[in-house]
């Protein structure tokens, strides 16, 4: 929302849902449930329906940091090797770690800036 109250879409869109990384409306989400902003101005997204944590740059480029819809569950690991079950909230601490409320697994998880 701009200071003038104008709302624009940074990434994703209502036409299709899914998990596609990309720029702007070429990217897809599936029930994004929470966002936080890191120290570089990136938006960190808890993508509940895709069971993953995503990043949206200030330019609108979407990438997946950890997890994915192929296998949901609770496995710690690096990047797509980690599993979540409907992450519902995110926060970023002073060291750039992403703190995740992993709703379906009833736990709080941490993703490092390196995606671990």
PDB file of N, CA and C in Angstrom:
ATOM      1  N   UNK A   1       0.853  -1.164   0.000  1.00  0.00           N
ATOM      2  CA  UNK A   1       0.000   0.000   0.000  1.00  0.00           C
ATOM      3  C   UNK A   1       0.901   1.230   0.000  1.00  0.00           C
ATOM      4  N   UNK A   2       0.695   2.100  -0.976  1.00  0.00           N
ATOM      5  CA  UNK A   2       1.487   3.325  -1.057  1.00  0.00           C
ATOM      6  C   UNK A   2       0.981   4.333  -0.030  1.00  0.00           C
ATOM      7  N   UNK A   3       1.753   5.397   0.221  1.00  0.00           N
ATOM      8  CA  UNK A   3       1.266   6.443   1.130  1.00  0.00           C
ATOM      9  C   UNK A   3      -0.073   7.039   0.682  1.00  0.00           C
ATOM     10  N   UNK A   4      -0.374   6.942  -0.604  1.00  0.00           N
ATOM     11  CA  UNK A   4      -1.642   7.455  -1.123  1.00  0.00           C
ATOM     12  C   UNK A   4      -2.775   6.436  -0.994  1.00  0.00           C
ATOM     13  N   UNK A   5      -2.475   5.253  -0.468  1.00  0.00           N
ATOM     14  CA  UNK A   5      -3.494   4.230  -0.269  1.00  0.00           C
ATOM     15  C   UNK A   5      -3.721   3.320  -1.455  1.00  0.00           C
ATOM     16  N   UNK A   6      -2.799   3.308  -2.426  1.00  0.00           N
ATOM     17  CA  UNK A   6      -2.942   2.457  -3.603  1.00  0.00           C
ATOM     18  C   UNK A   6      -2.392   1.061  -3.291  1.00  0.00           C
ATOM     19  N   UNK A   7      -3.190   0.045  -3.572  1.00  0.00           N
ATOM     20  CA  UNK A   7      -2.793  -1.348  -3.347  1.00  0.00           C
ATOM     21  C   UNK A   7      -2.355  -1.959  -4.675  1.00  0.00           C
ATOM     22  N   UNK A   8      -1.184  -2.604  -4.682  1.00  0.00           N
ATOM     23  CA  UNK A   8      -0.692  -3.302  -5.868  1.00  0.00           C
ATOM     24  C   UNK A   8      -0.269  -4.717  -5.462  1.00  0.00           C
ATOM     25  N   UNK A   9      -0.173  -5.598  -6.432  1.00  0.00           N
ATOM     26  CA  UNK A   9       0.277  -6.967  -6.188  1.00  0.00           C
ATOM     27  C   UNK A   9       1.760  -7.060  -6.495  1.00  0.00           C
ATOM     28  N   UNK A  10       2.539  -7.510  -5.522  1.00  0.00           N
ATOM     29  CA  UNK A  10       3.979  -7.655  -5.701  1.00  0.00           C
ATOM     30  C   UNK A  10       4.320  -8.979  -6.377  1.00  0.00           C
ATOM     31  N   UNK A  11       3.640 -10.045  -5.994  1.00  0.00           N
ATOM     32  CA  UNK A  11       3.929 -11.368  -6.563  1.00  0.00           C
ATOM     33  C   UNK A  11       2.714 -12.264  -6.413  1.00  0.00           C
ATOM     34  N   UNK A  12       2.564 -13.200  -7.339  1.00  0.00           N
ATOM     35  CA  UNK A  12       1.446 -14.124  -7.311  1.00  0.00           C
ATOM     36  C   UNK A  12       0.203 -13.511  -7.930  1.00  0.00           C
ATOM     37  N   UNK A  13      -0.883 -14.240  -7.858  1.00  0.00           N
ATOM     38  CA  UNK A  13      -2.138 -13.751  -8.405  1.00  0.00           C
ATOM     39  C   UNK A  13      -3.246 -14.764  -8.230  1.00  0.00           C
ATOM     40  N   UNK A  14      -4.488 -14.335  -8.411  1.00  0.00           N
ATOM     41  CA  UNK A  14      -5.624 -15.209  -8.128  1.00  0.00           C
ATOM     42  C   UNK A  14      -5.939 -16.239  -9.208  1.00  0.00           C
ATOM     43  N   UNK A  15      -5.346 -16.105 -10.384  1.00  0.00           N
ATOM     44  CA  UNK A  15      -5.708 -16.995 -11.487  1.00  0.00           C
ATOM     45  C   UNK A  15      -5.337 -18.442 -11.211  1.00  0.00           C
ATOM     46  N   UNK A  16      -4.147 -18.671 -10.714  1.00  0.00           N
ATOM     47  CA  UNK A  16      -3.659 -20.022 -10.457  1.00  0.00           C
ATOM     48  C   UNK A  16      -2.998 -20.059  -9.096  1.00  0.00           C
ATOM     49  N   UNK A  17      -3.180 -21.162  -8.407  1.00  0.00           N
ATOM     50  CA  UNK A  17      -2.405 -21.360  -7.195  1.00  0.00           C
ATOM     51  C   UNK A  17      -1.488 -22.548  -7.433  1.00  0.00           C
ATOM     52  N   UNK A  18      -0.412 -22.581  -6.691  1.00  0.00           N
ATOM     53  CA  UNK A  18       0.568 -23.639  -6.843  1.00  0.00           C
ATOM     54  C   UNK A  18       1.888 -23.178  -6.289  1.00  0.00           C
ATOM     55  N   UNK A  19       2.961 -23.828  -6.673  1.00  0.00           N
ATOM     56  CA  UNK A  19       4.289 -23.448  -6.189  1.00  0.00           C
ATOM     57  C   UNK A  19       5.219 -23.285  -7.377  1.00  0.00           C
ATOM     58  N   UNK A  20       5.196 -22.091  -7.924  1.00  0.00           N
ATOM     59  CA  UNK A  20       6.106 -21.752  -9.009  1.00  0.00           C
ATOM     60  C   UNK A  20       6.916 -20.549  -8.566  1.00  0.00           C
ATOM     61  N   UNK A  21       8.248 -20.687  -8.563  1.00  0.00           N
ATOM     62  CA  UNK A  21       9.119 -19.547  -8.314  1.00  0.00           C
ATOM     63  C   UNK A  21       9.197 -18.728  -9.590  1.00  0.00           C
ATOM     64  N   UNK A  22       9.417 -17.439  -9.445  1.00  0.00           N
ATOM     65  CA  UNK A  22       9.510 -16.583 -10.622  1.00  0.00           C
ATOM     66  C   UNK A  22       9.295 -15.135 -10.250  1.00  0.00           C
ATOM     67  N   UNK A  23       9.079 -14.321 -11.248  1.00  0.00           N
ATOM     68  CA  UNK A  23       8.941 -12.885 -11.041  1.00  0.00           C
ATOM     69  C   UNK A  23       7.481 -12.452 -11.120  1.00  0.00           C
ATOM     70  N   UNK A  24       7.080 -11.636 -10.146  1.00  0.00           N
ATOM     71  CA  UNK A  24       5.758 -11.022 -10.159  1.00  0.00           C
ATOM     72  C   UNK A  24       4.624 -12.014 -10.282  1.00  0.00           C
ATOM     73  N   UNK A  25       3.735 -11.757 -11.246  1.00  0.00           N
ATOM     74  CA  UNK A  25       2.553 -12.604 -11.417  1.00  0.00           C
ATOM     75  C   UNK A  25       2.886 -13.969 -12.020  1.00  0.00           C
ATOM     76  N   UNK A  26       4.130 -14.194 -12.424  1.00  0.00           N
ATOM     77  CA  UNK A  26       4.543 -15.517 -12.907  1.00  0.00           C
ATOM     78  C   UNK A  26       4.744 -16.506 -11.761  1.00  0.00           C
ATOM     79  N   UNK A  27       4.864 -15.993 -10.540  1.00  0.00           N
ATOM     80  CA  UNK A  27       5.027 -16.848  -9.364  1.00  0.00           C
ATOM     81  C   UNK A  27       3.653 -17.230  -8.826  1.00  0.00           C
ATOM     82  N   UNK A  28       3.585 -18.392  -8.189  1.00  0.00           N
ATOM     83  CA  UNK A  28       2.336 -18.853  -7.582  1.00  0.00           C
ATOM     84  C   UNK A  28       2.558 -19.168  -6.112  1.00  0.00           C
ATOM     85  N   UNK A  29       1.515 -18.974  -5.334  1.00  0.00           N
ATOM     86  CA  UNK A  29       1.469 -19.351  -3.925  1.00  0.00           C
ATOM     87  C   UNK A  29       0.237 -20.221  -3.716  1.00  0.00           C
ATOM     88  N   UNK A  30       0.177 -20.893  -2.570  1.00  0.00           N
ATOM     89  CA  UNK A  30      -0.993 -21.671  -2.196  1.00  0.00           C
ATOM     90  C   UNK A  30      -1.287 -21.382  -0.730  1.00  0.00           C
ATOM     91  N   UNK A  31      -2.142 -20.424  -0.506  1.00  0.00           N
ATOM     92  CA  UNK A  31      -2.554 -20.015   0.835  1.00  0.00           C
ATOM     93  C   UNK A  31      -1.398 -19.442   1.655  1.00  0.00           C
ATOM     94  N   UNK A  32      -0.767 -18.356   1.163  1.00  0.00           N
ATOM     95  CA  UNK A  32       0.249 -17.705   1.989  1.00  0.00           C
ATOM     96  C   UNK A  32      -0.417 -17.183   3.260  1.00  0.00           C
ATOM     97  N   UNK A  33       0.145 -17.525   4.408  1.00  0.00           N
ATOM     98  CA  UNK A  33      -0.547 -17.229   5.664  1.00  0.00           C
ATOM     99  C   UNK A  33       0.107 -16.156   6.514  1.00  0.00           C
ATOM    100  N   UNK A  34       1.382 -15.853   6.284  1.00  0.00           N
ATOM    101  CA  UNK A  34       2.054 -14.843   7.100  1.00  0.00           C
ATOM    102  C   UNK A  34       3.273 -14.321   6.365  1.00  0.00           C
ATOM    103  N   UNK A  35       3.650 -13.087   6.691  1.00  0.00           N
ATOM    104  CA  UNK A  35       4.841 -12.485   6.100  1.00  0.00           C
ATOM    105  C   UNK A  35       5.647 -11.767   7.176  1.00  0.00           C
ATOM    106  N   UNK A  36       6.937 -11.629   6.915  1.00  0.00           N
ATOM    107  CA  UNK A  36       7.850 -10.835   7.732  1.00  0.00           C
ATOM    108  C   UNK A  36       8.864 -10.230   6.776  1.00  0.00           C
ATOM    109  N   UNK A  37       9.509  -9.159   7.185  1.00  0.00           N
ATOM    110  CA  UNK A  37      10.505  -8.499   6.341  1.00  0.00           C
ATOM    111  C   UNK A  37      11.873  -8.666   6.984  1.00  0.00           C
ATOM    112  N   UNK A  38      12.866  -9.101   6.179  1.00  0.00           N
ATOM    113  CA  UNK A  38      14.220  -9.259   6.707  1.00  0.00           C
ATOM    114  C   UNK A  38      14.995  -7.951   6.597  1.00  0.00           C
ATOM    115  N   UNK A  39      16.235  -7.962   7.038  1.00  0.00           N
ATOM    116  CA  UNK A  39      17.066  -6.765   7.053  1.00  0.00           C
ATOM    117  C   UNK A  39      17.413  -6.214   5.689  1.00  0.00           C
ATOM    118  N   UNK A  40      17.247  -7.003   4.633  1.00  0.00           N
ATOM    119  CA  UNK A  40      17.532  -6.553   3.270  1.00  0.00           C
ATOM    120  C   UNK A  40      16.280  -6.101   2.533  1.00  0.00           C
ATOM    121  N   UNK A  41      15.145  -6.088   3.227  1.00  0.00           N
ATOM    122  CA  UNK A  41      13.900  -5.673   2.588  1.00  0.00           C
ATOM    123  C   UNK A  41      13.177  -6.780   1.849  1.00  0.00           C
ATOM    124  N   UNK A  42      13.667  -8.015   1.970  1.00  0.00           N
ATOM    125  CA  UNK A  42      12.969  -9.157   1.372  1.00  0.00           C
ATOM    126  C   UNK A  42      11.760  -9.517   2.225  1.00  0.00           C
ATOM    127  N   UNK A  43      10.708  -9.974   1.592  1.00  0.00           N
ATOM    128  CA  UNK A  43       9.526 -10.434   2.308  1.00  0.00           C
ATOM    129  C   UNK A  43       9.621 -11.949   2.438  1.00  0.00           C
ATOM    130  N   UNK A  44       9.551 -12.428   3.668  1.00  0.00           N
ATOM    131  CA  UNK A  44       9.585 -13.856   3.946  1.00  0.00           C
ATOM    132  C   UNK A  44       8.135 -14.310   4.113  1.00  0.00           C
ATOM    133  N   UNK A  45       7.758 -15.373   3.397  1.00  0.00           N
ATOM    134  CA  UNK A  45       6.367 -15.813   3.353  1.00  0.00           C
ATOM    135  C   UNK A  45       6.236 -17.235   3.894  1.00  0.00           C
ATOM    136  N   UNK A  46       5.301 -17.423   4.809  1.00  0.00           N
ATOM    137  CA  UNK A  46       4.895 -18.768   5.210  1.00  0.00           C
ATOM    138  C   UNK A  46       3.826 -19.199   4.215  1.00  0.00           C
ATOM    139  N   UNK A  47       4.180 -20.091   3.305  1.00  0.00           N
ATOM    140  CA  UNK A  47       3.265 -20.557   2.258  1.00  0.00           C
ATOM    141  C   UNK A  47       2.639 -21.865   2.747  1.00  0.00           C
ATOM    142  N   UNK A  48       1.560 -21.721   3.496  1.00  0.00           N
ATOM    143  CA  UNK A  48       0.946 -22.851   4.204  1.00  0.00           C
ATOM    144  C   UNK A  48       0.555 -23.989   3.270  1.00  0.00           C
ATOM    145  N   UNK A  49      -0.141 -23.684   2.194  1.00  0.00           N
ATOM    146  CA  UNK A  49      -0.628 -24.722   1.292  1.00  0.00           C
ATOM    147  C   UNK A  49       0.465 -25.452   0.547  1.00  0.00           C
ATOM    148  N   UNK A  50       1.629 -24.814   0.412  1.00  0.00           N
ATOM    149  CA  UNK A  50       2.768 -25.456  -0.242  1.00  0.00           C
ATOM    150  C   UNK A  50       3.769 -26.018   0.758  1.00  0.00           C
ATOM    151  N   UNK A  51       3.501 -25.856   2.053  1.00  0.00           N
ATOM    152  CA  UNK A  51       4.352 -26.415   3.106  1.00  0.00           C
ATOM    153  C   UNK A  51       5.797 -25.944   2.965  1.00  0.00           C
ATOM    154  N   UNK A  52       5.971 -24.635   2.714  1.00  0.00           N
ATOM    155  CA  UNK A  52       7.332 -24.133   2.523  1.00  0.00           C
ATOM    156  C   UNK A  52       7.460 -22.680   2.953  1.00  0.00           C
ATOM    157  N   UNK A  53       8.709 -22.235   3.004  1.00  0.00           N
ATOM    158  CA  UNK A  53       9.047 -20.853   3.314  1.00  0.00           C
ATOM    159  C   UNK A  53       9.612 -20.246   2.042  1.00  0.00           C
ATOM    160  N   UNK A  54       9.069 -19.098   1.646  1.00  0.00           N
ATOM    161  CA  UNK A  54       9.453 -18.459   0.384  1.00  0.00           C
ATOM    162  C   UNK A  54      10.005 -17.068   0.672  1.00  0.00           C
ATOM    163  N   UNK A  55      10.741 -16.535  -0.299  1.00  0.00           N
ATOM    164  CA  UNK A  55      11.285 -15.177  -0.207  1.00  0.00           C
ATOM    165  C   UNK A  55      10.846 -14.401  -1.435  1.00  0.00           C
ATOM    166  N   UNK A  56      10.394 -13.165  -1.206  1.00  0.00           N
ATOM    167  CA  UNK A  56      10.049 -12.250  -2.292  1.00  0.00           C
ATOM    168  C   UNK A  56      10.985 -11.056  -2.178  1.00  0.00           C
ATOM    169  N   UNK A  57      11.797 -10.818  -3.210  1.00  0.00           N
ATOM    170  CA  UNK A  57      12.711  -9.678  -3.193  1.00  0.00           C
ATOM    171  C   UNK A  57      11.925  -8.384  -3.381  1.00  0.00           C
ATOM    172  N   UNK A  58      12.541  -7.235  -3.087  1.00  0.00           N
ATOM    173  CA  UNK A  58      11.855  -5.963  -3.338  1.00  0.00           C
ATOM    174  C   UNK A  58      11.449  -5.787  -4.804  1.00  0.00           C
ATOM    175  N   UNK A  59      12.104  -6.501  -5.714  1.00  0.00           N
ATOM    176  CA  UNK A  59      11.766  -6.435  -7.137  1.00  0.00           C
ATOM    177  C   UNK A  59      10.644  -7.412  -7.509  1.00  0.00           C
ATOM    178  N   UNK A  60      10.196  -8.230  -6.548  1.00  0.00           N
ATOM    179  CA  UNK A  60       9.096  -9.155  -6.800  1.00  0.00           C
ATOM    180  C   UNK A  60       9.500 -10.533  -7.277  1.00  0.00           C
ATOM    181  N   UNK A  61      10.774 -10.891  -7.143  1.00  0.00           N
ATOM    182  CA  UNK A  61      11.240 -12.222  -7.548  1.00  0.00           C
ATOM    183  C   UNK A  61      11.041 -13.190  -6.381  1.00  0.00           C
ATOM    184  N   UNK A  62      10.345 -14.286  -6.649  1.00  0.00           N
ATOM    185  CA  UNK A  62      10.005 -15.269  -5.620  1.00  0.00           C
ATOM    186  C   UNK A  62      10.912 -16.490  -5.742  1.00  0.00           C
ATOM    187  N   UNK A  63      11.497 -16.908  -4.617  1.00  0.00           N
ATOM    188  CA  UNK A  63      12.271 -18.146  -4.545  1.00  0.00           C
ATOM    189  C   UNK A  63      11.826 -18.925  -3.306  1.00  0.00           C
ATOM    190  N   UNK A  64      12.057 -20.224  -3.332  1.00  0.00           N
ATOM    191  CA  UNK A  64      11.731 -21.074  -2.188  1.00  0.00           C
ATOM    192  C   UNK A  64      12.992 -21.270  -1.362  1.00  0.00           C
ATOM    193  N   UNK A  65      12.902 -20.964  -0.059  1.00  0.00           N
ATOM    194  CA  UNK A  65      14.050 -21.117   0.832  1.00  0.00           C
ATOM    195  C   UNK A  65      14.123 -22.510   1.443  1.00  0.00           C
ATOM    196  N   UNK A  66      12.985 -23.042   1.852  1.00  0.00           N
ATOM    197  CA  UNK A  66      12.982 -24.340   2.533  1.00  0.00           C
ATOM    198  C   UNK A  66      11.613 -24.984   2.410  1.00  0.00           C
ATOM    199  N   UNK A  67      11.615 -26.312   2.313  1.00  0.00           N
ATOM    200  CA  UNK A  67      10.378 -27.067   2.234  1.00  0.00           C
ATOM    201  C   UNK A  67       9.841 -27.145   0.821  1.00  0.00           C
ATOM    202  N   UNK A  68       8.656 -27.722   0.701  1.00  0.00           N
ATOM    203  CA  UNK A  68       8.023 -27.848  -0.602  1.00  0.00           C
ATOM    204  C   UNK A  68       6.810 -28.745  -0.543  1.00  0.00           C
ATOM    205  N   UNK A  69       5.926 -28.625  -1.537  1.00  0.00           N
ATOM    206  CA  UNK A  69       4.653 -29.354  -1.486  1.00  0.00           C
ATOM    207  C   UNK A  69       4.749 -30.845  -1.780  1.00  0.00           C
ATOM    208  N   UNK A  70       5.859 -31.284  -2.336  1.00  0.00           N
ATOM    209  CA  UNK A  70       5.965 -32.688  -2.722  1.00  0.00           C
ATOM    210  C   UNK A  70       5.860 -33.608  -1.514  1.00  0.00           C
ATOM    211  N   UNK A  71       6.551 -33.261  -0.446  1.00  0.00           N
ATOM    212  CA  UNK A  71       6.535 -34.054   0.779  1.00  0.00           C
ATOM    213  C   UNK A  71       6.376 -33.111   1.954  1.00  0.00           C
ATOM    214  N   UNK A  72       5.254 -33.203   2.633  1.00  0.00           N
ATOM    215  CA  UNK A  72       5.127 -32.409   3.841  1.00  0.00           C
ATOM    216  C   UNK A  72       5.305 -33.322   5.037  1.00  0.00           C
ATOM    217  N   UNK A  73       5.745 -32.738   6.136  1.00  0.00           N
ATOM    218  CA  UNK A  73       6.010 -33.502   7.345  1.00  0.00           C
ATOM    219  C   UNK A  73       6.954 -32.717   8.216  1.00  0.00           C
ATOM    220  N   UNK A  74       7.731 -33.383   9.020  1.00  0.00           N
ATOM    221  CA  UNK A  74       8.694 -32.702   9.886  1.00  0.00           C
ATOM    222  C   UNK A  74      10.058 -33.357   9.740  1.00  0.00           C
ATOM    223  N   UNK A  75      10.823 -32.814   8.817  1.00  0.00           N
ATOM    224  CA  UNK A  75      12.199 -33.255   8.626  1.00  0.00           C
ATOM    225  C   UNK A  75      13.068 -32.013   8.620  1.00  0.00           C
ATOM    226  N   UNK A  76      14.079 -31.985   9.498  1.00  0.00           N
ATOM    227  CA  UNK A  76      15.054 -30.905   9.471  1.00  0.00           C
ATOM    228  C   UNK A  76      16.043 -31.192   8.354  1.00  0.00           C
ATOM    229  N   UNK A  77      16.571 -30.146   7.738  1.00  0.00           N
ATOM    230  CA  UNK A  77      17.535 -30.321   6.666  1.00  0.00           C
ATOM    231  C   UNK A  77      17.713 -29.034   5.905  1.00  0.00           C
ATOM    232  N   UNK A  78      18.472 -29.107   4.840  1.00  0.00           N
ATOM    233  CA  UNK A  78      18.798 -27.927   4.051  1.00  0.00           C
ATOM    234  C   UNK A  78      17.817 -27.769   2.888  1.00  0.00           C
ATOM    235  N   UNK A  79      17.327 -26.542   2.722  1.00  0.00           N
ATOM    236  CA  UNK A  79      16.500 -26.192   1.572  1.00  0.00           C
ATOM    237  C   UNK A  79      15.310 -27.098   1.376  1.00  0.00           C
ATOM    238  N   UNK A  80      15.193 -27.656   0.170  1.00  0.00           N
ATOM    239  CA  UNK A  80      14.040 -28.498  -0.159  1.00  0.00           C
ATOM    240  C   UNK A  80      14.080 -29.851   0.544  1.00  0.00           C
ATOM    241  N   UNK A  81      15.188 -30.176   1.213  1.00  0.00           N
ATOM    242  CA  UNK A  81      15.251 -31.417   1.987  1.00  0.00           C
ATOM    243  C   UNK A  81      14.491 -31.311   3.303  1.00  0.00           C
ATOM    244  N   UNK A  82      14.222 -30.077   3.742  1.00  0.00           N
ATOM    245  CA  UNK A  82      13.438 -29.867   4.958  1.00  0.00           C
ATOM    246  C   UNK A  82      11.957 -29.994   4.622  1.00  0.00           C
ATOM    247  N   UNK A  83      11.178 -30.443   5.585  1.00  0.00           N
ATOM    248  CA  UNK A  83       9.729 -30.537   5.411  1.00  0.00           C
ATOM    249  C   UNK A  83       9.019 -29.744   6.489  1.00  0.00           C
ATOM    250  N   UNK A  84       7.923 -29.108   6.101  1.00  0.00           N
ATOM    251  CA  UNK A  84       7.024 -28.414   7.014  1.00  0.00           C
ATOM    252  C   UNK A  84       5.629 -28.974   6.804  1.00  0.00           C
ATOM    253  N   UNK A  85       4.743 -28.672   7.742  1.00  0.00           N
ATOM    254  CA  UNK A  85       3.340 -29.050   7.604  1.00  0.00           C
ATOM    255  C   UNK A  85       2.496 -27.818   7.925  1.00  0.00           C
ATOM    256  N   UNK A  86       2.186 -27.073   6.902  1.00  0.00           N
ATOM    257  CA  UNK A  86       1.382 -25.857   6.986  1.00  0.00           C
ATOM    258  C   UNK A  86       2.002 -24.799   7.903  1.00  0.00           C
ATOM    259  N   UNK A  87       3.173 -24.273   7.526  1.00  0.00           N
ATOM    260  CA  UNK A  87       3.738 -23.177   8.315  1.00  0.00           C
ATOM    261  C   UNK A  87       2.766 -22.000   8.314  1.00  0.00           C
ATOM    262  N   UNK A  88       2.506 -21.448   9.498  1.00  0.00           N
ATOM    263  CA  UNK A  88       1.447 -20.446   9.607  1.00  0.00           C
ATOM    264  C   UNK A  88       1.914 -19.072  10.045  1.00  0.00           C
ATOM    265  N   UNK A  89       3.150 -18.942  10.501  1.00  0.00           N
ATOM    266  CA  UNK A  89       3.665 -17.635  10.915  1.00  0.00           C
ATOM    267  C   UNK A  89       5.175 -17.626  10.765  1.00  0.00           C
ATOM    268  N   UNK A  90       5.726 -16.444  10.492  1.00  0.00           N
ATOM    269  CA  UNK A  90       7.171 -16.276  10.371  1.00  0.00           C
ATOM    270  C   UNK A  90       7.595 -14.977  11.039  1.00  0.00           C
ATOM    271  N   UNK A  91       8.830 -14.960  11.519  1.00  0.00           N
ATOM    272  CA  UNK A  91       9.468 -13.758  12.046  1.00  0.00           C
ATOM    273  C   UNK A  91      10.938 -13.856  11.685  1.00  0.00           C
ATOM    274  N   UNK A  92      11.618 -12.725  11.639  1.00  0.00           N
ATOM    275  CA  UNK A  92      13.046 -12.703  11.336  1.00  0.00           C
ATOM    276  C   UNK A  92      13.761 -12.088  12.528  1.00  0.00           C
ATOM    277  N   UNK A  93      14.781 -12.796  13.066  1.00  0.00           N
ATOM    278  CA  UNK A  93      15.517 -12.258  14.209  1.00  0.00           C
ATOM    279  C   UNK A  93      16.661 -11.362  13.752  1.00  0.00           C
ATOM    280  N   UNK A  94      17.396 -10.808  14.687  1.00  0.00           N
ATOM    281  CA  UNK A  94      18.472  -9.871  14.392  1.00  0.00           C
ATOM    282  C   UNK A  94      19.632 -10.461  13.624  1.00  0.00           C
ATOM    283  N   UNK A  95      19.768 -11.778  13.625  1.00  0.00           N
ATOM    284  CA  UNK A  95      20.829 -12.452  12.877  1.00  0.00           C
ATOM    285  C   UNK A  95      20.373 -12.914  11.498  1.00  0.00           C
ATOM    286  N   UNK A  96      19.129 -12.616  11.146  1.00  0.00           N
ATOM    287  CA  UNK A  96      18.604 -13.021   9.847  1.00  0.00           C
ATOM    288  C   UNK A  96      17.995 -14.406   9.817  1.00  0.00           C
ATOM    289  N   UNK A  97      17.940 -15.076  10.982  1.00  0.00           N
ATOM    290  CA  UNK A  97      17.286 -16.379  11.050  1.00  0.00           C
ATOM    291  C   UNK A  97      15.778 -16.195  10.926  1.00  0.00           C
ATOM    292  N   UNK A  98      15.129 -17.123  10.259  1.00  0.00           N
ATOM    293  CA  UNK A  98      13.681 -17.085  10.107  1.00  0.00           C
ATOM    294  C   UNK A  98      13.090 -18.058  11.117  1.00  0.00           C
ATOM    295  N   UNK A  99      12.225 -17.543  11.964  1.00  0.00           N
ATOM    296  CA  UNK A  99      11.556 -18.358  12.965  1.00  0.00           C
ATOM    297  C   UNK A  99      10.172 -18.697  12.416  1.00  0.00           C
ATOM    298  N   UNK A 100       9.837 -19.984  12.403  1.00  0.00           N
ATOM    299  CA  UNK A 100       8.616 -20.463  11.757  1.00  0.00           C
ATOM    300  C   UNK A 100       7.723 -21.168  12.771  1.00  0.00           C
ATOM    301  N   UNK A 101       6.451 -20.781  12.800  1.00  0.00           N
ATOM    302  CA  UNK A 101       5.451 -21.548  13.537  1.00  0.00           C
ATOM    303  C   UNK A 101       4.948 -22.620  12.575  1.00  0.00           C
ATOM    304  N   UNK A 102       5.374 -23.853  12.800  1.00  0.00           N
ATOM    305  CA  UNK A 102       5.021 -24.980  11.934  1.00  0.00           C
ATOM    306  C   UNK A 102       3.753 -25.609  12.509  1.00  0.00           C
ATOM    307  N   UNK A 103       2.628 -25.055  12.121  1.00  0.00           N
ATOM    308  CA  UNK A 103       1.326 -25.357  12.721  1.00  0.00           C
ATOM    309  C   UNK A 103       1.003 -26.847  12.709  1.00  0.00           C
ATOM    310  N   UNK A 104       1.117 -27.484  11.564  1.00  0.00           N
ATOM    311  CA  UNK A 104       0.751 -28.892  11.444  1.00  0.00           C
ATOM    312  C   UNK A 104       1.656 -29.832  12.213  1.00  0.00           C
ATOM    313  N   UNK A 105       2.865 -29.362  12.538  1.00  0.00           N
ATOM    314  CA  UNK A 105       3.795 -30.172  13.321  1.00  0.00           C
ATOM    315  C   UNK A 105       3.851 -29.747  14.780  1.00  0.00           C
ATOM    316  N   UNK A 106       3.065 -28.740  15.152  1.00  0.00           N
ATOM    317  CA  UNK A 106       2.958 -28.310  16.545  1.00  0.00           C
ATOM    318  C   UNK A 106       4.315 -27.916  17.127  1.00  0.00           C
ATOM    319  N   UNK A 107       5.112 -27.167  16.332  1.00  0.00           N
ATOM    320  CA  UNK A 107       6.430 -26.789  16.827  1.00  0.00           C
ATOM    321  C   UNK A 107       6.894 -25.471  16.214  1.00  0.00           C
ATOM    322  N   UNK A 108       7.960 -24.932  16.791  1.00  0.00           N
ATOM    323  CA  UNK A 108       8.611 -23.725  16.295  1.00  0.00           C
ATOM    324  C   UNK A 108       9.935 -24.162  15.693  1.00  0.00           C
ATOM    325  N   UNK A 109      10.208 -23.705  14.477  1.00  0.00           N
ATOM    326  CA  UNK A 109      11.412 -24.124  13.748  1.00  0.00           C
ATOM    327  C   UNK A 109      12.250 -22.897  13.398  1.00  0.00           C
ATOM    328  N   UNK A 110      13.513 -23.118  13.044  1.00  0.00           N
ATOM    329  CA  UNK A 110      14.411 -22.035  12.643  1.00  0.00           C
ATOM    330  C   UNK A 110      15.035 -22.375  11.302  1.00  0.00           C
ATOM    331  N   UNK A 111      15.025 -21.386  10.395  1.00  0.00           N
ATOM    332  CA  UNK A 111      15.700 -21.495   9.102  1.00  0.00           C
ATOM    333  C   UNK A 111      16.799 -20.449   9.102  1.00  0.00           C
ATOM    334  N   UNK A 112      18.044 -20.866   8.903  1.00  0.00           N
ATOM    335  CA  UNK A 112      19.156 -19.919   8.878  1.00  0.00           C
ATOM    336  C   UNK A 112      19.147 -19.152   7.557  1.00  0.00           C
ATOM    337  N   UNK A 113      19.889 -18.049   7.480  1.00  0.00           N
ATOM    338  CA  UNK A 113      19.963 -17.320   6.205  1.00  0.00           C
ATOM    339  C   UNK A 113      20.479 -18.186   5.052  1.00  0.00           C
ATOM    340  N   UNK A 114      21.198 -19.270   5.370  1.00  0.00           N
ATOM    341  CA  UNK A 114      21.700 -20.178   4.346  1.00  0.00           C
ATOM    342  C   UNK A 114      20.659 -21.233   3.956  1.00  0.00           C
ATOM    343  N   UNK A 115      19.480 -21.194   4.566  1.00  0.00           N
ATOM    344  CA  UNK A 115      18.420 -22.138   4.224  1.00  0.00           C
ATOM    345  C   UNK A 115      18.483 -23.452   4.965  1.00  0.00           C
ATOM    346  N   UNK A 116      19.170 -23.494   6.100  1.00  0.00           N
ATOM    347  CA  UNK A 116      19.299 -24.732   6.883  1.00  0.00           C
ATOM    348  C   UNK A 116      18.359 -24.677   8.075  1.00  0.00           C
TER     349      UNK A 116
END
